[in-house]
Structures are given as C-alpha cells and as structure tokens.
C-alpha atoms as a PDB file:
ATOM      1  CA  MET A   1       0.010   0.048  -0.187  1.00  0.00           C
ATOM      2  CA  SER A   2       1.358   3.419  -1.232  1.00  0.00           C
ATOM      3  CA  GLU A   3       1.390   6.580   1.411  1.00  0.00           C
ATOM      4  CA  THR A   4      -0.780   9.710   0.867  1.00  0.00           C
ATOM      5  CA  LYS A   5       1.461  12.582  -0.025  1.00  0.00           C
ATOM      6  CA  THR A   6       0.258  15.317   2.508  1.00  0.00           C
ATOM      7  CA  THR A   7       2.699  18.498   2.251  1.00  0.00           C
ATOM      8  CA  MET A   8       2.583  21.500  -0.591  1.00  0.00           C
ATOM      9  CA  ALA A   9       3.318  21.953  -4.022  1.00  0.00           C
ATOM     10  CA  GLU A  10       6.021  24.147  -4.571  1.00  0.00           C
ATOM     11  CA  PRO A  11       4.592  27.496  -5.194  1.00  0.00           C
ATOM     12  CA  VAL A  12       3.888  29.061  -8.465  1.00  0.00           C
ATOM     13  CA  HIS A  13       5.734  31.696  -9.717  1.00  0.00           C
ATOM     14  CA  LEU A  14       3.902  33.920 -12.267  1.00  0.00           C
ATOM     15  CA  SER A  15       5.868  37.018 -14.657  1.00  0.00           C
ATOM     16  CA  LEU A  16       4.457  40.601 -14.673  1.00  0.00           C
ATOM     17  CA  PRO A  17       1.598  40.613 -17.399  1.00  0.00           C
ATOM     18  CA  ALA A  18       2.314  41.362 -20.831  1.00  0.00           C
ATOM     19  CA  ASP A  19       1.675  45.312 -21.980  1.00  0.00           C
ATOM     20  CA  LEU A  20      -1.229  46.185 -23.784  1.00  0.00           C
ATOM     21  CA  PRO A  21      -0.703  45.865 -27.621  1.00  0.00           C
ATOM     22  CA  LYS A  22      -0.769  49.898 -29.125  1.00  0.00           C
ATOM     23  CA  PRO A  23      -2.888  50.719 -31.960  1.00  0.00           C
ATOM     24  CA  ALA A  24      -0.939  52.065 -34.872  1.00  0.00           C
ATOM     25  CA  LYS A  25      -1.592  55.599 -35.503  1.00  0.00           C
ATOM     26  CA  GLY A  26      -4.046  56.571 -38.520  1.00  0.00           C
ATOM     27  CA  CYS A  27      -5.594  52.839 -38.455  1.00  0.00           C
ATOM     28  CA  ARG A  28      -9.558  52.629 -38.350  1.00  0.00           C
ATOM     29  CA  VAL A  29      -8.858  49.776 -37.617  1.00  0.00           C
ATOM     30  CA  CYS A  30      -6.961  49.588 -34.737  1.00  0.00           C
ATOM     31  CA  ALA A  31      -8.632  52.692 -33.334  1.00  0.00           C
ATOM     32  CA  ALA A  32     -11.588  50.408 -33.551  1.00  0.00           C
ATOM     33  CA  LEU A  33     -10.285  47.571 -31.540  1.00  0.00           C
ATOM     34  CA  ASP A  34      -8.745  50.092 -28.988  1.00  0.00           C
ATOM     35  CA  THR A  35     -12.004  51.317 -28.036  1.00  0.00           C
ATOM     36  CA  GLN A  36     -13.886  47.960 -27.814  1.00  0.00           C
ATOM     37  CA  ARG A  37     -11.444  47.326 -25.390  1.00  0.00           C
ATOM     38  CA  THR A  38     -12.075  49.867 -23.369  1.00  0.00           C
ATOM     39  CA  GLU A  39     -15.283  49.552 -23.321  1.00  0.00           C
ATOM     40  CA  ALA A  40     -15.099  46.435 -23.091  1.00  0.00           C
ATOM     41  CA  LEU A  41     -13.020  47.077 -19.979  1.00  0.00           C
ATOM     42  CA  GLU A  42     -15.152  49.174 -17.818  1.00  0.00           C
ATOM     43  CA  ARG A  43     -18.098  47.190 -17.951  1.00  0.00           C
ATOM     44  CA  GLY A  44     -15.488  44.285 -16.683  1.00  0.00           C
ATOM     45  CA  ASP A  45     -16.129  42.705 -19.819  1.00  0.00           C
ATOM     46  CA  PHE A  46     -12.276  40.535 -19.638  1.00  0.00           C
ATOM     47  CA  SER A  47     -13.081  38.171 -22.447  1.00  0.00           C
ATOM     48  CA  ALA A  48     -14.208  41.124 -24.851  1.00  0.00           C
ATOM     49  CA  ALA A  49     -11.640  43.239 -23.892  1.00  0.00           C
ATOM     50  CA  THR A  50      -8.579  40.078 -24.093  1.00  0.00           C
ATOM     51  CA  ASP A  51     -10.381  39.564 -27.152  1.00  0.00           C
ATOM     52  CA  ALA A  52     -10.099  43.084 -28.630  1.00  0.00           C
ATOM     53  CA  ASN A  53      -6.334  42.702 -27.442  1.00  0.00           C
ATOM     54  CA  VAL A  54      -5.218  39.379 -29.617  1.00  0.00           C
ATOM     55  CA  GLU A  55      -7.323  40.494 -32.423  1.00  0.00           C
ATOM     56  CA  LEU A  56      -5.056  43.838 -31.807  1.00  0.00           C
ATOM     57  CA  ALA A  57      -1.664  42.305 -31.599  1.00  0.00           C
ATOM     58  CA  ALA A  58      -2.695  40.074 -34.728  1.00  0.00           C
ATOM     59  CA  HIS A  59      -3.792  42.678 -36.737  1.00  0.00           C
ATOM     60  CA  PRO A  60      -0.427  44.466 -38.317  1.00  0.00           C
ATOM     61  CA  LYS A  61       1.213  40.341 -38.579  1.00  0.00           C
ATOM     62  CA  THR A  62      -2.100  39.451 -41.083  1.00  0.00           C
ATOM     63  CA  GLY A  63      -4.725  42.776 -41.708  1.00  0.00           C
ATOM     64  CA  SER A  64      -3.601  46.396 -43.186  1.00  0.00           C
ATOM     65  CA  HIS A  65      -0.598  46.836 -41.423  1.00  0.00           C
ATOM     66  CA  HIS A  66       0.917  44.017 -43.299  1.00  0.00           C
ATOM     67  CA  ARG A  67       0.419  45.135 -46.921  1.00  0.00           C
ATOM     68  CA  THR A  68       1.068  48.948 -46.731  1.00  0.00           C
ATOM     69  CA  GLY A  69       4.306  48.180 -44.390  1.00  0.00           C
ATOM     70  CA  ARG A  70       2.156  51.107 -41.909  1.00  0.00           C
ATOM     71  CA  LYS A  71       3.315  50.524 -38.115  1.00  0.00           C
END
C-alpha cells in the first residue's frame, strides 16, 4: 500500500502581465479595436477585452499593416 502525500506543492511563480498592444496611429481598424477594448474593460468584460487585445496584436501582422508596411 502506498502512503498519501500530505505536503504542499512548490509555489507557482508568475510573471507580470504583458503590456497591452498599442494601436497604430492613423489606422481605423486599430482605433476601433482600441475602443472596443476600452469599453469592455469599463464594463468589466475581461473576455471581450482579451479578444480585442488578441485582434489588435495580430492586426499589424495580418491586416492592412501587413499589406501597406505601416507599423
């Protein structure tokens, strides 16, 4: 028969959250995503805010920035 382990596991070390993605100046898509994120945070909808962050971070790589070279 095996013994039951009753001690606590080692602590988990978490890093600080990453900086929020920044909208590109002059980009209407980035501005709209930034607005969506702000409104979501104001109403406490962290899931929607995270979704906007993911889209905002990916937009320069796949959206209009990718085609025009805007950063």
